[in-house]
Amino acid sequence: DFGGRLAHLRPAAAAYRDLSERADAAAAASGVFEALRWAEAQHAAGARCVLVADVEAAARGGEAAECVPALADRLYRAASGVRAELVASPGTGGAVAVWLLPPEASV
């Protein structure tokens, strides 16, 4: 996740991780490879897919704004460009764009 945009899905997930609860691109960038290794471990443990929030859609401006394109590019590459849109139930905050990491994705 990034900035809590997918937090409402936590109860339905086998595992949940937020790159930065504050949508801080610099903090997320510093931990992105660790998070991707964690995602690979989830696949190895039997997860059918890993959803990664679209950081460009969720990022807030500020000092770390220059990190957003590089972070988004790394997640795009890890997902092999596979993008999905989750359409939320009424009252859950609307649709959310995500990257879908395929089982064969590697860091």
PDB file of N, CA and C in Angstrom:
ATOM      1  N   ASP A   1       0.847  -1.176   0.000  1.00  0.00           N
ATOM      2  CA  ASP A   1       0.000   0.000   0.000  1.00  0.00           C
ATOM      3  C   ASP A   1       0.891   1.238   0.000  1.00  0.00           C
ATOM      4  N   PHE A   2       0.276   2.383  -0.168  1.00  0.00           N
ATOM      5  CA  PHE A   2       0.984   3.666  -0.139  1.00  0.00           C
ATOM      6  C   PHE A   2      -0.013   4.712   0.327  1.00  0.00           C
ATOM      7  N   GLY A   3       0.238   5.254   1.493  1.00  0.00           N
ATOM      8  CA  GLY A   3      -0.653   6.269   2.028  1.00  0.00           C
ATOM      9  C   GLY A   3      -1.984   5.729   2.513  1.00  0.00           C
ATOM     10  N   GLY A   4      -2.066   4.432   2.781  1.00  0.00           N
ATOM     11  CA  GLY A   4      -3.289   3.837   3.302  1.00  0.00           C
ATOM     12  C   GLY A   4      -4.427   3.696   2.313  1.00  0.00           C
ATOM     13  N   ARG A   5      -4.152   3.843   1.018  1.00  0.00           N
ATOM     14  CA  ARG A   5      -5.228   3.797   0.012  1.00  0.00           C
ATOM     15  C   ARG A   5      -5.896   2.429  -0.079  1.00  0.00           C
ATOM     16  N   LEU A   6      -5.173   1.368   0.285  1.00  0.00           N
ATOM     17  CA  LEU A   6      -5.746   0.018   0.214  1.00  0.00           C
ATOM     18  C   LEU A   6      -6.033  -0.558   1.600  1.00  0.00           C
ATOM     19  N   ALA A   7      -5.942   0.255   2.628  1.00  0.00           N
ATOM     20  CA  ALA A   7      -6.114  -0.217   4.003  1.00  0.00           C
ATOM     21  C   ALA A   7      -7.470  -0.885   4.216  1.00  0.00           C
ATOM     22  N   HIS A   8      -8.489  -0.440   3.504  1.00  0.00           N
ATOM     23  CA  HIS A   8      -9.812  -1.054   3.665  1.00  0.00           C
ATOM     24  C   HIS A   8      -9.838  -2.504   3.187  1.00  0.00           C
ATOM     25  N   LEU A   9      -8.818  -2.926   2.428  1.00  0.00           N
ATOM     26  CA  LEU A   9      -8.747  -4.308   1.955  1.00  0.00           C
ATOM     27  C   LEU A   9      -7.996  -5.211   2.929  1.00  0.00           C
ATOM     28  N   ARG A  10      -7.405  -4.633   3.961  1.00  0.00           N
ATOM     29  CA  ARG A  10      -6.589  -5.385   4.917  1.00  0.00           C
ATOM     30  C   ARG A  10      -7.304  -6.619   5.474  1.00  0.00           C
ATOM     31  N   PRO A  11      -8.580  -6.517   5.873  1.00  0.00           N
ATOM     32  CA  PRO A  11      -9.246  -7.702   6.432  1.00  0.00           C
ATOM     33  C   PRO A  11      -9.349  -8.874   5.442  1.00  0.00           C
ATOM     34  N   ALA A  12      -9.369  -8.596   4.157  1.00  0.00           N
ATOM     35  CA  ALA A  12      -9.502  -9.645   3.151  1.00  0.00           C
ATOM     36  C   ALA A  12      -8.156 -10.155   2.653  1.00  0.00           C
ATOM     37  N   ALA A  13      -7.073  -9.542   3.081  1.00  0.00           N
ATOM     38  CA  ALA A  13      -5.741  -9.890   2.589  1.00  0.00           C
ATOM     39  C   ALA A  13      -5.069 -10.920   3.485  1.00  0.00           C
ATOM     40  N   ALA A  14      -4.260 -11.772   2.875  1.00  0.00           N
ATOM     41  CA  ALA A  14      -3.465 -12.722   3.639  1.00  0.00           C
ATOM     42  C   ALA A  14      -2.344 -11.987   4.374  1.00  0.00           C
ATOM     43  N   ALA A  15      -1.853 -10.900   3.780  1.00  0.00           N
ATOM     44  CA  ALA A  15      -0.794 -10.085   4.380  1.00  0.00           C
ATOM     45  C   ALA A  15      -0.963  -8.663   3.871  1.00  0.00           C
ATOM     46  N   TYR A  16      -0.504  -7.709   4.627  1.00  0.00           N
ATOM     47  CA  TYR A  16      -0.661  -6.296   4.256  1.00  0.00           C
ATOM     48  C   TYR A  16       0.602  -5.541   4.654  1.00  0.00           C
ATOM     49  N   ARG A  17       1.025  -4.638   3.792  1.00  0.00           N
ATOM     50  CA  ARG A  17       2.186  -3.797   4.078  1.00  0.00           C
ATOM     51  C   ARG A  17       1.995  -2.460   3.384  1.00  0.00           C
ATOM     52  N   ASP A  18       2.355  -1.387   4.064  1.00  0.00           N
ATOM     53  CA  ASP A  18       2.253  -0.038   3.509  1.00  0.00           C
ATOM     54  C   ASP A  18       3.667   0.501   3.317  1.00  0.00           C
ATOM     55  N   LEU A  19       4.004   0.892   2.095  1.00  0.00           N
ATOM     56  CA  LEU A  19       5.327   1.474   1.828  1.00  0.00           C
ATOM     57  C   LEU A  19       5.553   2.732   2.646  1.00  0.00           C
ATOM     58  N   SER A  20       4.505   3.508   2.833  1.00  0.00           N
ATOM     59  CA  SER A  20       4.558   4.713   3.656  1.00  0.00           C
ATOM     60  C   SER A  20       3.137   5.124   4.002  1.00  0.00           C
ATOM     61  N   GLU A  21       2.793   5.021   5.274  1.00  0.00           N
ATOM     62  CA  GLU A  21       1.443   5.392   5.701  1.00  0.00           C
ATOM     63  C   GLU A  21       1.159   6.868   5.467  1.00  0.00           C
ATOM     64  N   ARG A  22       2.225   7.700   5.432  1.00  0.00           N
ATOM     65  CA  ARG A  22       2.066   9.140   5.222  1.00  0.00           C
ATOM     66  C   ARG A  22       2.179   9.523   3.746  1.00  0.00           C
ATOM     67  N   ALA A  23       2.257   8.530   2.861  1.00  0.00           N
ATOM     68  CA  ALA A  23       2.446   8.769   1.424  1.00  0.00           C
ATOM     69  C   ALA A  23       3.708   9.576   1.175  1.00  0.00           C
ATOM     70  N   ASP A  24       4.759   9.257   1.905  1.00  0.00           N
ATOM     71  CA  ASP A  24       6.063   9.915   1.782  1.00  0.00           C
ATOM     72  C   ASP A  24       6.894   9.136   0.766  1.00  0.00           C
ATOM     73  N   ALA A  25       7.077   9.710  -0.405  1.00  0.00           N
ATOM     74  CA  ALA A  25       7.767   9.018  -1.493  1.00  0.00           C
ATOM     75  C   ALA A  25       9.215   8.698  -1.144  1.00  0.00           C
ATOM     76  N   ALA A  26       9.901   9.566  -0.423  1.00  0.00           N
ATOM     77  CA  ALA A  26      11.294   9.311  -0.057  1.00  0.00           C
ATOM     78  C   ALA A  26      11.384   8.100   0.875  1.00  0.00           C
ATOM     79  N   ALA A  27      10.494   8.027   1.856  1.00  0.00           N
ATOM     80  CA  ALA A  27      10.483   6.877   2.769  1.00  0.00           C
ATOM     81  C   ALA A  27      10.154   5.597   2.011  1.00  0.00           C
ATOM     82  N   ALA A  28       9.197   5.671   1.113  1.00  0.00           N
ATOM     83  CA  ALA A  28       8.819   4.499   0.322  1.00  0.00           C
ATOM     84  C   ALA A  28       9.966   4.060  -0.575  1.00  0.00           C
ATOM     85  N   ALA A  29      10.643   5.008  -1.203  1.00  0.00           N
ATOM     86  CA  ALA A  29      11.757   4.686  -2.091  1.00  0.00           C
ATOM     87  C   ALA A  29      12.886   3.999  -1.337  1.00  0.00           C
ATOM     88  N   SER A  30      13.129   4.427  -0.101  1.00  0.00           N
ATOM     89  CA  SER A  30      14.217   3.820   0.659  1.00  0.00           C
ATOM     90  C   SER A  30      13.907   2.381   1.062  1.00  0.00           C
ATOM     91  N   GLY A  31      12.638   1.996   1.092  1.00  0.00           N
ATOM     92  CA  GLY A  31      12.276   0.645   1.480  1.00  0.00           C
ATOM     93  C   GLY A  31      11.656  -0.191   0.380  1.00  0.00           C
ATOM     94  N   VAL A  32      11.676   0.297  -0.866  1.00  0.00           N
ATOM     95  CA  VAL A  32      10.959  -0.394  -1.936  1.00  0.00           C
ATOM     96  C   VAL A  32      11.546  -1.775  -2.233  1.00  0.00           C
ATOM     97  N   PHE A  33      12.855  -1.936  -2.218  1.00  0.00           N
ATOM     98  CA  PHE A  33      13.423  -3.248  -2.538  1.00  0.00           C
ATOM     99  C   PHE A  33      13.132  -4.256  -1.430  1.00  0.00           C
ATOM    100  N   GLU A  34      13.169  -3.819  -0.190  1.00  0.00           N
ATOM    101  CA  GLU A  34      12.793  -4.696   0.923  1.00  0.00           C
ATOM    102  C   GLU A  34      11.330  -5.111   0.786  1.00  0.00           C
ATOM    103  N   ALA A  35      10.473  -4.166   0.417  1.00  0.00           N
ATOM    104  CA  ALA A  35       9.052  -4.465   0.242  1.00  0.00           C
ATOM    105  C   ALA A  35       8.828  -5.436  -0.916  1.00  0.00           C
ATOM    106  N   LEU A  36       9.593  -5.295  -1.993  1.00  0.00           N
ATOM    107  CA  LEU A  36       9.446  -6.212  -3.119  1.00  0.00           C
ATOM    108  C   LEU A  36       9.932  -7.612  -2.748  1.00  0.00           C
ATOM    109  N   ARG A  37      10.989  -7.705  -1.957  1.00  0.00           N
ATOM    110  CA  ARG A  37      11.433  -9.021  -1.473  1.00  0.00           C
ATOM    111  C   ARG A  37      10.347  -9.634  -0.583  1.00  0.00           C
ATOM    112  N   TRP A  38       9.716  -8.812   0.249  1.00  0.00           N
ATOM    113  CA  TRP A  38       8.610  -9.267   1.082  1.00  0.00           C
ATOM    114  C   TRP A  38       7.478  -9.792   0.193  1.00  0.00           C
ATOM    115  N   ALA A  39       7.175  -9.072  -0.888  1.00  0.00           N
ATOM    116  CA  ALA A  39       6.112  -9.505  -1.811  1.00  0.00           C
ATOM    117  C   ALA A  39       6.457 -10.854  -2.442  1.00  0.00           C
ATOM    118  N   GLU A  40       7.720 -11.054  -2.808  1.00  0.00           N
ATOM    119  CA  GLU A  40       8.142 -12.343  -3.353  1.00  0.00           C
ATOM    120  C   GLU A  40       7.931 -13.454  -2.326  1.00  0.00           C
ATOM    121  N   ALA A  41       8.212 -13.163  -1.065  1.00  0.00           N
ATOM    122  CA  ALA A  41       8.010 -14.151  -0.002  1.00  0.00           C
ATOM    123  C   ALA A  41       6.527 -14.497   0.135  1.00  0.00           C
ATOM    124  N   GLN A  42       5.654 -13.526  -0.098  1.00  0.00           N
ATOM    125  CA  GLN A  42       4.216 -13.792  -0.028  1.00  0.00           C
ATOM    126  C   GLN A  42       3.806 -14.747  -1.144  1.00  0.00           C
ATOM    127  N   HIS A  43       4.391 -14.572  -2.337  1.00  0.00           N
ATOM    128  CA  HIS A  43       4.117 -15.504  -3.439  1.00  0.00           C
ATOM    129  C   HIS A  43       4.606 -16.896  -3.073  1.00  0.00           C
ATOM    130  N   ALA A  44       5.811 -16.974  -2.528  1.00  0.00           N
ATOM    131  CA  ALA A  44       6.382 -18.261  -2.150  1.00  0.00           C
ATOM    132  C   ALA A  44       5.530 -18.960  -1.089  1.00  0.00           C
ATOM    133  N   ALA A  45       4.854 -18.173  -0.264  1.00  0.00           N
ATOM    134  CA  ALA A  45       4.007 -18.725   0.790  1.00  0.00           C
ATOM    135  C   ALA A  45       2.606 -19.078   0.291  1.00  0.00           C
ATOM    136  N   GLY A  46       2.344 -18.842  -0.994  1.00  0.00           N
ATOM    137  CA  GLY A  46       1.069 -19.242  -1.566  1.00  0.00           C
ATOM    138  C   GLY A  46       0.138 -18.131  -2.004  1.00  0.00           C
ATOM    139  N   ALA A  47       0.541 -16.891  -1.870  1.00  0.00           N
ATOM    140  CA  ALA A  47      -0.316 -15.787  -2.328  1.00  0.00           C
ATOM    141  C   ALA A  47      -0.517 -15.894  -3.839  1.00  0.00           C
ATOM    142  N   ARG A  48      -1.738 -15.686  -4.283  1.00  0.00           N
ATOM    143  CA  ARG A  48      -2.037 -15.758  -5.714  1.00  0.00           C
ATOM    144  C   ARG A  48      -1.672 -14.485  -6.448  1.00  0.00           C
ATOM    145  N   CYS A  49      -1.694 -13.359  -5.754  1.00  0.00           N
ATOM    146  CA  CYS A  49      -1.298 -12.099  -6.368  1.00  0.00           C
ATOM    147  C   CYS A  49      -0.904 -11.120  -5.266  1.00  0.00           C
ATOM    148  N   VAL A  50      -0.186 -10.104  -5.660  1.00  0.00           N
ATOM    149  CA  VAL A  50       0.204  -9.032  -4.745  1.00  0.00           C
ATOM    150  C   VAL A  50      -0.247  -7.724  -5.392  1.00  0.00           C
ATOM    151  N   LEU A  51      -1.012  -6.947  -4.654  1.00  0.00           N
ATOM    152  CA  LEU A  51      -1.464  -5.651  -5.145  1.00  0.00           C
ATOM    153  C   LEU A  51      -0.568  -4.572  -4.575  1.00  0.00           C
ATOM    154  N   VAL A  52      -0.157  -3.654  -5.417  1.00  0.00           N
ATOM    155  CA  VAL A  52       0.688  -2.539  -5.003  1.00  0.00           C
ATOM    156  C   VAL A  52      -0.004  -1.252  -5.432  1.00  0.00           C
ATOM    157  N   ALA A  53      -0.237  -0.368  -4.484  1.00  0.00           N
ATOM    158  CA  ALA A  53      -0.929   0.885  -4.796  1.00  0.00           C
ATOM    159  C   ALA A  53      -0.161   1.701  -5.819  1.00  0.00           C
ATOM    160  N   ASP A  54      -0.887   2.421  -6.629  1.00  0.00           N
ATOM    161  CA  ASP A  54      -0.303   3.320  -7.622  1.00  0.00           C
ATOM    162  C   ASP A  54       0.225   4.556  -6.893  1.00  0.00           C
ATOM    163  N   VAL A  55       1.527   4.633  -6.709  1.00  0.00           N
ATOM    164  CA  VAL A  55       2.111   5.722  -5.918  1.00  0.00           C
ATOM    165  C   VAL A  55       1.930   7.084  -6.581  1.00  0.00           C
ATOM    166  N   GLU A  56       1.875   7.116  -7.896  1.00  0.00           N
ATOM    167  CA  GLU A  56       1.683   8.407  -8.564  1.00  0.00           C
ATOM    168  C   GLU A  56       0.313   8.984  -8.258  1.00  0.00           C
ATOM    169  N   ALA A  57      -0.684   8.124  -8.140  1.00  0.00           N
ATOM    170  CA  ALA A  57      -2.035   8.590  -7.842  1.00  0.00           C
ATOM    171  C   ALA A  57      -2.179   9.013  -6.384  1.00  0.00           C
ATOM    172  N   ALA A  58      -1.397   8.380  -5.494  1.00  0.00           N
ATOM    173  CA  ALA A  58      -1.549   8.628  -4.069  1.00  0.00           C
ATOM    174  C   ALA A  58      -0.553   9.630  -3.498  1.00  0.00           C
ATOM    175  N   ALA A  59       0.545   9.892  -4.205  1.00  0.00           N
ATOM    176  CA  ALA A  59       1.615  10.734  -3.658  1.00  0.00           C
ATOM    177  C   ALA A  59       1.141  12.159  -3.406  1.00  0.00           C
ATOM    178  N   ARG A  60       1.607  12.667  -2.306  1.00  0.00           N
ATOM    179  CA  ARG A  60       1.347  14.066  -1.985  1.00  0.00           C
ATOM    180  C   ARG A  60       2.573  14.856  -2.394  1.00  0.00           C
ATOM    181  N   GLY A  61       2.410  16.113  -2.651  1.00  0.00           N
ATOM    182  CA  GLY A  61       3.539  16.959  -3.032  1.00  0.00           C
ATOM    183  C   GLY A  61       4.529  17.092  -1.904  1.00  0.00           C
ATOM    184  N   GLY A  62       5.425  17.996  -2.028  1.00  0.00           N
ATOM    185  CA  GLY A  62       6.398  18.221  -0.966  1.00  0.00           C
ATOM    186  C   GLY A  62       7.810  17.963  -1.432  1.00  0.00           C
ATOM    187  N   GLU A  63       8.713  17.893  -0.462  1.00  0.00           N
ATOM    188  CA  GLU A  63      10.134  17.757  -0.762  1.00  0.00           C
ATOM    189  C   GLU A  63      10.467  16.472  -1.500  1.00  0.00           C
ATOM    190  N   ALA A  64       9.726  15.402  -1.245  1.00  0.00           N
ATOM    191  CA  ALA A  64      10.042  14.102  -1.829  1.00  0.00           C
ATOM    192  C   ALA A  64       9.378  13.883  -3.185  1.00  0.00           C
ATOM    193  N   ALA A  65       8.732  14.884  -3.722  1.00  0.00           N
ATOM    194  CA  ALA A  65       7.997  14.721  -4.979  1.00  0.00           C
ATOM    195  C   ALA A  65       8.887  14.215  -6.107  1.00  0.00           C
ATOM    196  N   GLU A  66      10.171  14.556  -6.084  1.00  0.00           N
ATOM    197  CA  GLU A  66      11.074  14.107  -7.148  1.00  0.00           C
ATOM    198  C   GLU A  66      11.321  12.604  -7.085  1.00  0.00           C
ATOM    199  N   CYS A  67      11.014  11.945  -5.971  1.00  0.00           N
ATOM    200  CA  CYS A  67      11.185  10.495  -5.833  1.00  0.00           C
ATOM    201  C   CYS A  67      10.051   9.715  -6.477  1.00  0.00           C
ATOM    202  N   VAL A  68       8.904  10.340  -6.670  1.00  0.00           N
ATOM    203  CA  VAL A  68       7.706   9.637  -7.132  1.00  0.00           C
ATOM    204  C   VAL A  68       7.899   8.971  -8.494  1.00  0.00           C
ATOM    205  N   PRO A  69       8.419   9.655  -9.518  1.00  0.00           N
ATOM    206  CA  PRO A  69       8.559   8.977 -10.813  1.00  0.00           C
ATOM    207  C   PRO A  69       9.472   7.745 -10.760  1.00  0.00           C
ATOM    208  N   ALA A  70      10.581   7.822 -10.041  1.00  0.00           N
ATOM    209  CA  ALA A  70      11.484   6.678  -9.940  1.00  0.00           C
ATOM    210  C   ALA A  70      10.843   5.525  -9.176  1.00  0.00           C
ATOM    211  N   LEU A  71      10.134   5.848  -8.109  1.00  0.00           N
ATOM    212  CA  LEU A  71       9.444   4.826  -7.327  1.00  0.00           C
ATOM    213  C   LEU A  71       8.359   4.169  -8.170  1.00  0.00           C
ATOM    214  N   ALA A  72       7.576   4.969  -8.863  1.00  0.00           N
ATOM    215  CA  ALA A  72       6.512   4.443  -9.724  1.00  0.00           C
ATOM    216  C   ALA A  72       7.091   3.560 -10.824  1.00  0.00           C
ATOM    217  N   ASP A  73       8.216   3.970 -11.394  1.00  0.00           N
ATOM    218  CA  ASP A  73       8.853   3.187 -12.450  1.00  0.00           C
ATOM    219  C   ASP A  73       9.305   1.827 -11.920  1.00  0.00           C
ATOM    220  N   ARG A  74       9.879   1.798 -10.733  1.00  0.00           N
ATOM    221  CA  ARG A  74      10.347   0.526 -10.161  1.00  0.00           C
ATOM    222  C   ARG A  74       9.175  -0.426  -9.926  1.00  0.00           C
ATOM    223  N   LEU A  75       8.079   0.099  -9.419  1.00  0.00           N
ATOM    224  CA  LEU A  75       6.905  -0.742  -9.180  1.00  0.00           C
ATOM    225  C   LEU A  75       6.285  -1.208 -10.495  1.00  0.00           C
ATOM    226  N   TYR A  76       6.274  -0.322 -11.492  1.00  0.00           N
ATOM    227  CA  TYR A  76       5.777  -0.675 -12.831  1.00  0.00           C
ATOM    228  C   TYR A  76       6.588  -1.834 -13.403  1.00  0.00           C
ATOM    229  N   ARG A  77       7.899  -1.738 -13.286  1.00  0.00           N
ATOM    230  CA  ARG A  77       8.770  -2.799 -13.811  1.00  0.00           C
ATOM    231  C   ARG A  77       8.578  -4.103 -13.039  1.00  0.00           C
ATOM    232  N   ALA A  78       8.441  -4.024 -11.730  1.00  0.00           N
ATOM    233  CA  ALA A  78       8.230  -5.233 -10.921  1.00  0.00           C
ATOM    234  C   ALA A  78       6.915  -5.902 -11.291  1.00  0.00           C
ATOM    235  N   ALA A  79       5.930  -5.109 -11.669  1.00  0.00           N
ATOM    236  CA  ALA A  79       4.617  -5.640 -12.051  1.00  0.00           C
ATOM    237  C   ALA A  79       4.546  -6.009 -13.523  1.00  0.00           C
ATOM    238  N   SER A  80       5.647  -5.892 -14.234  1.00  0.00           N
ATOM    239  CA  SER A  80       5.683  -6.165 -15.674  1.00  0.00           C
ATOM    240  C   SER A  80       4.636  -5.357 -16.422  1.00  0.00           C
ATOM    241  N   GLY A  81       4.313  -4.188 -15.893  1.00  0.00           N
ATOM    242  CA  GLY A  81       3.361  -3.298 -16.545  1.00  0.00           C
ATOM    243  C   GLY A  81       1.904  -3.689 -16.395  1.00  0.00           C
ATOM    244  N   VAL A  82       1.619  -4.705 -15.590  1.00  0.00           N
ATOM    245  CA  VAL A  82       0.232  -5.155 -15.420  1.00  0.00           C
ATOM    246  C   VAL A  82      -0.464  -4.249 -14.413  1.00  0.00           C
ATOM    247  N   ARG A  83      -1.473  -3.551 -14.883  1.00  0.00           N
ATOM    248  CA  ARG A  83      -2.205  -2.600 -14.050  1.00  0.00           C
ATOM    249  C   ARG A  83      -3.661  -3.032 -13.955  1.00  0.00           C
ATOM    250  N   ALA A  84      -4.227  -2.848 -12.789  1.00  0.00           N
ATOM    251  CA  ALA A  84      -5.626  -3.206 -12.566  1.00  0.00           C
ATOM    252  C   ALA A  84      -6.306  -2.056 -11.849  1.00  0.00           C
ATOM    253  N   GLU A  85      -7.601  -2.040 -11.891  1.00  0.00           N
ATOM    254  CA  GLU A  85      -8.350  -1.047 -11.129  1.00  0.00           C
ATOM    255  C   GLU A  85      -9.343  -1.794 -10.250  1.00  0.00           C
ATOM    256  N   LEU A  86      -9.252  -1.531  -8.959  1.00  0.00           N
ATOM    257  CA  LEU A  86     -10.187  -2.136  -8.014  1.00  0.00           C
ATOM    258  C   LEU A  86     -11.365  -1.185  -7.877  1.00  0.00           C
ATOM    259  N   VAL A  87     -12.537  -1.675  -8.139  1.00  0.00           N
ATOM    260  CA  VAL A  87     -13.732  -0.862  -7.989  1.00  0.00           C
ATOM    261  C   VAL A  87     -14.284  -1.150  -6.598  1.00  0.00           C
ATOM    262  N   ALA A  88     -14.297  -0.135  -5.779  1.00  0.00           N
ATOM    263  CA  ALA A  88     -14.679  -0.288  -4.377  1.00  0.00           C
ATOM    264  C   ALA A  88     -16.186  -0.354  -4.199  1.00  0.00           C
ATOM    265  N   SER A  89     -16.576  -0.976  -3.111  1.00  0.00           N
ATOM    266  CA  SER A  89     -17.978  -0.990  -2.711  1.00  0.00           C
ATOM    267  C   SER A  89     -18.376   0.421  -2.285  1.00  0.00           C
ATOM    268  N   PRO A  90     -19.641   0.757  -2.358  1.00  0.00           N
ATOM    269  CA  PRO A  90     -20.077   2.087  -1.924  1.00  0.00           C
ATOM    270  C   PRO A  90     -19.617   2.375  -0.490  1.00  0.00           C
ATOM    271  N   GLY A  91     -19.139   3.584  -0.280  1.00  0.00           N
ATOM    272  CA  GLY A  91     -18.718   4.004   1.050  1.00  0.00           C
ATOM    273  C   GLY A  91     -17.302   3.631   1.422  1.00  0.00           C
ATOM    274  N   THR A  92     -16.522   3.058   0.480  1.00  0.00           N
ATOM    275  CA  THR A  92     -15.155   2.658   0.821  1.00  0.00           C
ATOM    276  C   THR A  92     -14.105   3.542   0.161  1.00  0.00           C
ATOM    277  N   GLY A  93     -14.507   4.613  -0.452  1.00  0.00           N
ATOM    278  CA  GLY A  93     -13.521   5.554  -0.968  1.00  0.00           C
ATOM    279  C   GLY A  93     -13.293   5.539  -2.462  1.00  0.00           C
ATOM    280  N   GLY A  94     -14.089   4.848  -3.232  1.00  0.00           N
ATOM    281  CA  GLY A  94     -13.958   4.890  -4.680  1.00  0.00           C
ATOM    282  C   GLY A  94     -12.963   3.887  -5.225  1.00  0.00           C
ATOM    283  N   ALA A  95     -12.746   3.955  -6.523  1.00  0.00           N
ATOM    284  CA  ALA A  95     -11.852   3.026  -7.199  1.00  0.00           C
ATOM    285  C   ALA A  95     -10.403   3.359  -6.875  1.00  0.00           C
ATOM    286  N   VAL A  96      -9.569   2.329  -6.912  1.00  0.00           N
ATOM    287  CA  VAL A  96      -8.145   2.491  -6.635  1.00  0.00           C
ATOM    288  C   VAL A  96      -7.371   1.778  -7.728  1.00  0.00           C
ATOM    289  N   ALA A  97      -6.423   2.463  -8.361  1.00  0.00           N
ATOM    290  CA  ALA A  97      -5.558   1.832  -9.345  1.00  0.00           C
ATOM    291  C   ALA A  97      -4.422   1.142  -8.611  1.00  0.00           C
ATOM    292  N   VAL A  98      -4.072  -0.058  -9.056  1.00  0.00           N
ATOM    293  CA  VAL A  98      -2.994  -0.821  -8.427  1.00  0.00           C
ATOM    294  C   VAL A  98      -2.134  -1.463  -9.505  1.00  0.00           C
ATOM    295  N   TRP A  99      -0.924  -1.841  -9.123  1.00  0.00           N
ATOM    296  CA  TRP A  99      -0.074  -2.669  -9.961  1.00  0.00           C
ATOM    297  C   TRP A  99      -0.222  -4.090  -9.455  1.00  0.00           C
ATOM    298  N   LEU A 100      -0.297  -5.052 -10.339  1.00  0.00           N
ATOM    299  CA  LEU A 100      -0.468  -6.444  -9.976  1.00  0.00           C
ATOM    300  C   LEU A 100       0.847  -7.168 -10.219  1.00  0.00           C
ATOM    301  N   LEU A 101       1.503  -7.614  -9.156  1.00  0.00           N
ATOM    302  CA  LEU A 101       2.765  -8.312  -9.296  1.00  0.00           C
ATOM    303  C   LEU A 101       2.483  -9.776  -9.617  1.00  0.00           C
ATOM    304  N   PRO A 102       2.913 -10.244 -10.786  1.00  0.00           N
ATOM    305  CA  PRO A 102       2.675 -11.647 -11.151  1.00  0.00           C
ATOM    306  C   PRO A 102       3.569 -12.573 -10.329  1.00  0.00           C
ATOM    307  N   PRO A 103       3.194 -13.845 -10.195  1.00  0.00           N
ATOM    308  CA  PRO A 103       3.981 -14.772  -9.371  1.00  0.00           C
ATOM    309  C   PRO A 103       5.444 -14.870  -9.785  1.00  0.00           C
ATOM    310  N   GLU A 104       5.747 -14.698 -11.049  1.00  0.00           N
ATOM    311  CA  GLU A 104       7.126 -14.817 -11.500  1.00  0.00           C
ATOM    312  C   GLU A 104       7.910 -13.523 -11.395  1.00  0.00           C
ATOM    313  N   ALA A 105       7.304 -12.475 -10.828  1.00  0.00           N
ATOM    314  CA  ALA A 105       8.003 -11.193 -10.690  1.00  0.00           C
ATOM    315  C   ALA A 105       9.227 -11.364  -9.811  1.00  0.00           C
ATOM    316  N   SER A 106      10.261 -10.622 -10.147  1.00  0.00           N
ATOM    317  CA  SER A 106      11.471 -10.680  -9.322  1.00  0.00           C
ATOM    318  C   SER A 106      12.001  -9.287  -9.100  1.00  0.00           C
ATOM    319  N   VAL A 107      12.673  -9.121  -7.986  1.00  0.00           N
ATOM    320  CA  VAL A 107      13.253  -7.836  -7.603  1.00  0.00           C
ATOM    321  C   VAL A 107      14.437  -7.614  -8.479  1.00  0.00           C
TER     322      VAL A 107
END
